[in-house]
Amino acid sequence: MTSDKDAAANALAAIRGTIERTAFRLAALPEDGRAQQLAIVRNAHEETLREHGHDPAADPGKTGRRTGMGATKAHVNFDAPAILRKWPSRNNQRCTEGTGPYLLVDGTLDECIREFMAKPASMRHLYEIHTSPQPPLVNSVLSGEHVVELARLRDFL
């Protein structure tokens, strides 16, 4: 049984996730109009935080942006250590029983993304990249769709 506080925290986490995914997609839009759209999403996010008793000014990490002279949009360190792994497969389907994914590349996130993108699109679901989390855009394990988005947005991040 969850308490009202737990339910509210879960709802807030879901709202944050939706807003962060929306902001991530908006970042891929053409430059004209993107800044205004991102500002709308950020303001909605901050308003949601305030409604749930959080102060975005006191904890700028919750808004996904910095304040002051170092204010920038989300940043990804593509020089971070990463590992590209491939799942064993049969008939282009993952074989999840057995050993698990095996190592292909041990390098930087950028190297792993480049190697991943060189694979045929029809095979990419067999690969994943393991790296240090870089919230809100990079999780510890990146699936195919996420890697493709990072590759597309690399110049913006």
C-alpha atoms as a PDB file:
ATOM      1  CA  MET A   1       0.000   0.000   0.000  1.00  0.00           C
ATOM      2  CA  THR A   2       1.448   3.341  -1.014  1.00  0.00           C
ATOM      3  CA  SER A   3       0.928   6.535   0.924  1.00  0.00           C
ATOM      4  CA  ASP A   4      -0.370   9.763  -0.579  1.00  0.00           C
ATOM      5  CA  LYS A   5       3.170  11.147  -0.400  1.00  0.00           C
ATOM      6  CA  ASP A   6       4.519   8.155  -2.379  1.00  0.00           C
ATOM      7  CA  ALA A   7       1.725   8.496  -4.933  1.00  0.00           C
ATOM      8  CA  ALA A   8       2.484  12.196  -5.333  1.00  0.00           C
ATOM      9  CA  ALA A   9       6.197  11.473  -5.714  1.00  0.00           C
ATOM     10  CA  ASN A  10       5.443   8.840  -8.361  1.00  0.00           C
ATOM     11  CA  ALA A  11       3.139  11.235 -10.214  1.00  0.00           C
ATOM     12  CA  LEU A  12       5.778  13.960 -10.070  1.00  0.00           C
ATOM     13  CA  ALA A  13       8.423  11.569 -11.417  1.00  0.00           C
ATOM     14  CA  ALA A  14       6.124  10.616 -14.295  1.00  0.00           C
ATOM     15  CA  ILE A  15       5.440  14.270 -15.097  1.00  0.00           C
ATOM     16  CA  ARG A  16       9.158  15.091 -14.972  1.00  0.00           C
ATOM     17  CA  GLY A  17       9.906  12.203 -17.319  1.00  0.00           C
ATOM     18  CA  THR A  18       7.293  13.372 -19.797  1.00  0.00           C
ATOM     19  CA  ILE A  19       8.568  16.934 -19.727  1.00  0.00           C
ATOM     20  CA  GLU A  20      12.215  15.849 -20.076  1.00  0.00           C
ATOM     21  CA  ARG A  21      11.380  13.575 -23.036  1.00  0.00           C
ATOM     22  CA  THR A  22       9.470  16.435 -24.644  1.00  0.00           C
ATOM     23  CA  ALA A  23      12.379  18.833 -24.111  1.00  0.00           C
ATOM     24  CA  PHE A  24      14.762  16.230 -25.584  1.00  0.00           C
ATOM     25  CA  ARG A  25      12.617  15.974 -28.726  1.00  0.00           C
ATOM     26  CA  LEU A  26      12.231  19.751 -28.977  1.00  0.00           C
ATOM     27  CA  ALA A  27      16.023  20.125 -28.928  1.00  0.00           C
ATOM     28  CA  ALA A  28      16.088  18.355 -32.294  1.00  0.00           C
ATOM     29  CA  LEU A  29      13.876  20.996 -33.923  1.00  0.00           C
ATOM     30  CA  PRO A  30      15.313  23.652 -36.249  1.00  0.00           C
ATOM     31  CA  GLU A  31      16.951  26.585 -34.465  1.00  0.00           C
ATOM     32  CA  ASP A  32      14.189  29.099 -35.235  1.00  0.00           C
ATOM     33  CA  GLY A  33      11.470  28.686 -32.659  1.00  0.00           C
ATOM     34  CA  ARG A  34      13.288  25.989 -30.676  1.00  0.00           C
ATOM     35  CA  ALA A  35      14.426  28.336 -27.906  1.00  0.00           C
ATOM     36  CA  GLN A  36      10.889  29.602 -27.355  1.00  0.00           C
ATOM     37  CA  GLN A  37       9.469  26.058 -27.308  1.00  0.00           C
ATOM     38  CA  LEU A  38      12.134  24.879 -24.872  1.00  0.00           C
ATOM     39  CA  ALA A  39      11.404  27.862 -22.619  1.00  0.00           C
ATOM     40  CA  ILE A  40       7.714  26.912 -22.590  1.00  0.00           C
ATOM     41  CA  VAL A  41       8.563  23.339 -21.578  1.00  0.00           C
ATOM     42  CA  ARG A  42      11.033  24.476 -18.898  1.00  0.00           C
ATOM     43  CA  ASN A  43       8.493  26.932 -17.460  1.00  0.00           C
ATOM     44  CA  ALA A  44       5.855  24.187 -17.339  1.00  0.00           C
ATOM     45  CA  HIS A  45       8.357  21.906 -15.605  1.00  0.00           C
ATOM     46  CA  GLU A  46       9.239  24.567 -13.033  1.00  0.00           C
ATOM     47  CA  GLU A  47       5.557  25.300 -12.424  1.00  0.00           C
ATOM     48  CA  THR A  48       4.904  21.593 -11.842  1.00  0.00           C
ATOM     49  CA  LEU A  49       7.802  21.455  -9.375  1.00  0.00           C
ATOM     50  CA  ARG A  50       6.406  24.454  -7.480  1.00  0.00           C
ATOM     51  CA  GLU A  51       2.931  22.878  -7.358  1.00  0.00           C
ATOM     52  CA  HIS A  52       4.494  19.882  -5.626  1.00  0.00           C
ATOM     53  CA  GLY A  53       6.407  21.934  -3.073  1.00  0.00           C
ATOM     54  CA  HIS A  54       9.824  22.117  -4.771  1.00  0.00           C
ATOM     55  CA  ASP A  55      11.697  25.362  -5.371  1.00  0.00           C
ATOM     56  CA  PRO A  56      13.470  25.259  -8.776  1.00  0.00           C
ATOM     57  CA  ALA A  57      15.571  28.295  -7.821  1.00  0.00           C
ATOM     58  CA  ALA A  58      16.873  26.521  -4.707  1.00  0.00           C
ATOM     59  CA  ASP A  59      17.641  23.307  -6.626  1.00  0.00           C
ATOM     60  CA  PRO A  60      18.414  24.126 -10.270  1.00  0.00           C
ATOM     61  CA  GLY A  61      19.367  20.485 -10.870  1.00  0.00           C
ATOM     62  CA  LYS A  62      15.683  19.585 -10.880  1.00  0.00           C
ATOM     63  CA  THR A  63      15.083  21.885 -13.853  1.00  0.00           C
ATOM     64  CA  GLY A  64      17.818  20.386 -16.017  1.00  0.00           C
ATOM     65  CA  ARG A  65      19.548  23.737 -16.456  1.00  0.00           C
ATOM     66  CA  ARG A  66      22.135  25.810 -14.645  1.00  0.00           C
ATOM     67  CA  THR A  67      21.709  29.320 -13.398  1.00  0.00           C
ATOM     68  CA  GLY A  68      24.072  32.282 -13.476  1.00  0.00           C
ATOM     69  CA  MET A  69      26.986  32.859 -15.841  1.00  0.00           C
ATOM     70  CA  GLY A  70      27.449  29.136 -16.533  1.00  0.00           C
ATOM     71  CA  ALA A  71      23.876  28.718 -17.756  1.00  0.00           C
ATOM     72  CA  THR A  72      23.758  26.218 -20.605  1.00  0.00           C
ATOM     73  CA  LYS A  73      21.374  23.690 -22.007  1.00  0.00           C
ATOM     74  CA  ALA A  74      21.723  19.977 -21.299  1.00  0.00           C
ATOM     75  CA  HIS A  75      25.228  18.696 -21.968  1.00  0.00           C
ATOM     76  CA  VAL A  76      26.526  15.220 -22.741  1.00  0.00           C
ATOM     77  CA  ASN A  77      30.179  14.289 -22.262  1.00  0.00           C
ATOM     78  CA  PHE A  78      30.896  12.235 -25.379  1.00  0.00           C
ATOM     79  CA  ASP A  79      34.424  11.576 -24.069  1.00  0.00           C
ATOM     80  CA  ALA A  80      33.030   9.573 -21.134  1.00  0.00           C
ATOM     81  CA  PRO A  81      34.126   5.916 -20.998  1.00  0.00           C
ATOM     82  CA  ALA A  82      31.646   3.547 -22.645  1.00  0.00           C
ATOM     83  CA  ILE A  83      31.298  -0.029 -23.847  1.00  0.00           C
ATOM     84  CA  LEU A  84      29.413  -1.213 -26.908  1.00  0.00           C
ATOM     85  CA  ARG A  85      27.923  -4.670 -26.402  1.00  0.00           C
ATOM     86  CA  LYS A  86      26.051  -7.025 -28.711  1.00  0.00           C
ATOM     87  CA  TRP A  87      23.539  -9.625 -27.676  1.00  0.00           C
ATOM     88  CA  PRO A  88      23.968 -13.089 -29.155  1.00  0.00           C
ATOM     89  CA  SER A  89      21.224 -13.653 -31.713  1.00  0.00           C
ATOM     90  CA  ARG A  90      19.415 -16.265 -33.707  1.00  0.00           C
ATOM     91  CA  ASN A  91      17.316 -15.265 -36.727  1.00  0.00           C
ATOM     92  CA  ASN A  92      17.911 -11.587 -35.880  1.00  0.00           C
ATOM     93  CA  GLN A  93      16.363 -12.045 -32.402  1.00  0.00           C
ATOM     94  CA  ARG A  94      18.171 -11.602 -29.093  1.00  0.00           C
ATOM     95  CA  CYS A  95      19.097 -14.795 -27.296  1.00  0.00           C
ATOM     96  CA  THR A  96      18.544 -13.732 -23.696  1.00  0.00           C
ATOM     97  CA  GLU A  97      19.170 -17.116 -22.153  1.00  0.00           C
ATOM     98  CA  GLY A  98      22.824 -17.861 -21.586  1.00  0.00           C
ATOM     99  CA  THR A  99      25.747 -15.506 -21.314  1.00  0.00           C
ATOM    100  CA  GLY A 100      24.248 -12.091 -22.111  1.00  0.00           C
ATOM    101  CA  PRO A 101      25.759  -9.398 -24.347  1.00  0.00           C
ATOM    102  CA  TYR A 102      29.427  -9.531 -25.251  1.00  0.00           C
ATOM    103  CA  LEU A 103      31.979  -6.734 -25.588  1.00  0.00           C
ATOM    104  CA  LEU A 104      32.648  -5.171 -29.006  1.00  0.00           C
ATOM    105  CA  VAL A 105      34.180  -1.765 -28.240  1.00  0.00           C
ATOM    106  CA  ASP A 106      35.719  -0.436 -25.032  1.00  0.00           C
ATOM    107  CA  GLY A 107      36.287   3.290 -25.608  1.00  0.00           C
ATOM    108  CA  THR A 108      34.483   6.616 -25.359  1.00  0.00           C
ATOM    109  CA  LEU A 109      30.771   7.263 -25.713  1.00  0.00           C
ATOM    110  CA  ASP A 110      31.509   8.984 -29.039  1.00  0.00           C
ATOM    111  CA  GLU A 111      33.444   5.969 -30.376  1.00  0.00           C
ATOM    112  CA  CYS A 112      30.704   3.575 -29.303  1.00  0.00           C
ATOM    113  CA  ILE A 113      27.988   5.730 -30.912  1.00  0.00           C
ATOM    114  CA  ARG A 114      29.963   5.911 -34.179  1.00  0.00           C
ATOM    115  CA  GLU A 115      30.507   2.154 -34.196  1.00  0.00           C
ATOM    116  CA  PHE A 116      26.827   1.561 -33.388  1.00  0.00           C
ATOM    117  CA  MET A 117      25.676   3.867 -36.192  1.00  0.00           C
ATOM    118  CA  ALA A 118      27.885   1.956 -38.659  1.00  0.00           C
ATOM    119  CA  LYS A 119      25.776  -1.171 -38.022  1.00  0.00           C
ATOM    120  CA  PRO A 120      22.809  -1.941 -40.300  1.00  0.00           C
ATOM    121  CA  ALA A 121      19.600  -0.384 -38.955  1.00  0.00           C
ATOM    122  CA  SER A 122      17.909  -3.788 -39.032  1.00  0.00           C
ATOM    123  CA  MET A 123      20.514  -5.148 -36.589  1.00  0.00           C
ATOM    124  CA  ARG A 124      20.756  -2.254 -34.119  1.00  0.00           C
ATOM    125  CA  HIS A 125      18.254  -3.740 -31.676  1.00  0.00           C
ATOM    126  CA  LEU A 126      20.936  -6.337 -30.839  1.00  0.00           C
ATOM    127  CA  TYR A 127      23.351  -3.674 -29.512  1.00  0.00           C
ATOM    128  CA  GLU A 128      23.507  -1.523 -26.405  1.00  0.00           C
ATOM    129  CA  ILE A 129      25.968   0.959 -24.959  1.00  0.00           C
ATOM    130  CA  HIS A 130      26.962   0.885 -21.280  1.00  0.00           C
ATOM    131  CA  THR A 131      28.306   4.134 -19.808  1.00  0.00           C
ATOM    132  CA  SER A 132      28.163   6.353 -16.743  1.00  0.00           C
ATOM    133  CA  PRO A 133      24.738   8.003 -16.371  1.00  0.00           C
ATOM    134  CA  GLN A 134      24.552  11.680 -17.348  1.00  0.00           C
ATOM    135  CA  PRO A 135      21.059  12.771 -16.315  1.00  0.00           C
ATOM    136  CA  PRO A 136      18.727  13.684 -17.813  1.00  0.00           C
ATOM    137  CA  LEU A 137      19.769  12.514 -21.293  1.00  0.00           C
ATOM    138  CA  VAL A 138      22.082   9.529 -20.778  1.00  0.00           C
ATOM    139  CA  ASN A 139      21.181   6.421 -18.789  1.00  0.00           C
ATOM    140  CA  SER A 140      23.688   3.741 -17.762  1.00  0.00           C
ATOM    141  CA  VAL A 141      22.463   1.450 -20.573  1.00  0.00           C
ATOM    142  CA  LEU A 142      21.501   3.024 -23.898  1.00  0.00           C
ATOM    143  CA  SER A 143      19.182   1.147 -26.234  1.00  0.00           C
ATOM    144  CA  GLY A 144      19.196   1.475 -30.010  1.00  0.00           C
ATOM    145  CA  GLU A 145      16.569   4.222 -30.262  1.00  0.00           C
ATOM    146  CA  HIS A 146      18.295   6.289 -27.597  1.00  0.00           C
ATOM    147  CA  VAL A 147      21.690   5.963 -29.316  1.00  0.00           C
ATOM    148  CA  VAL A 148      20.200   7.086 -32.642  1.00  0.00           C
ATOM    149  CA  GLU A 149      18.714  10.188 -30.917  1.00  0.00           C
ATOM    150  CA  LEU A 150      22.032  11.013 -29.244  1.00  0.00           C
ATOM    151  CA  ALA A 151      23.828  10.658 -32.573  1.00  0.00           C
ATOM    152  CA  ARG A 152      21.330  13.036 -34.213  1.00  0.00           C
ATOM    153  CA  LEU A 153      21.632  15.589 -31.404  1.00  0.00           C
ATOM    154  CA  ARG A 154      25.392  15.309 -30.869  1.00  0.00           C
ATOM    155  CA  ASP A 155      26.095  18.745 -32.376  1.00  0.00           C
ATOM    156  CA  PHE A 156      23.478  20.399 -30.154  1.00  0.00           C
ATOM    157  CA  LEU A 157      24.605  18.872 -26.864  1.00  0.00           C
END
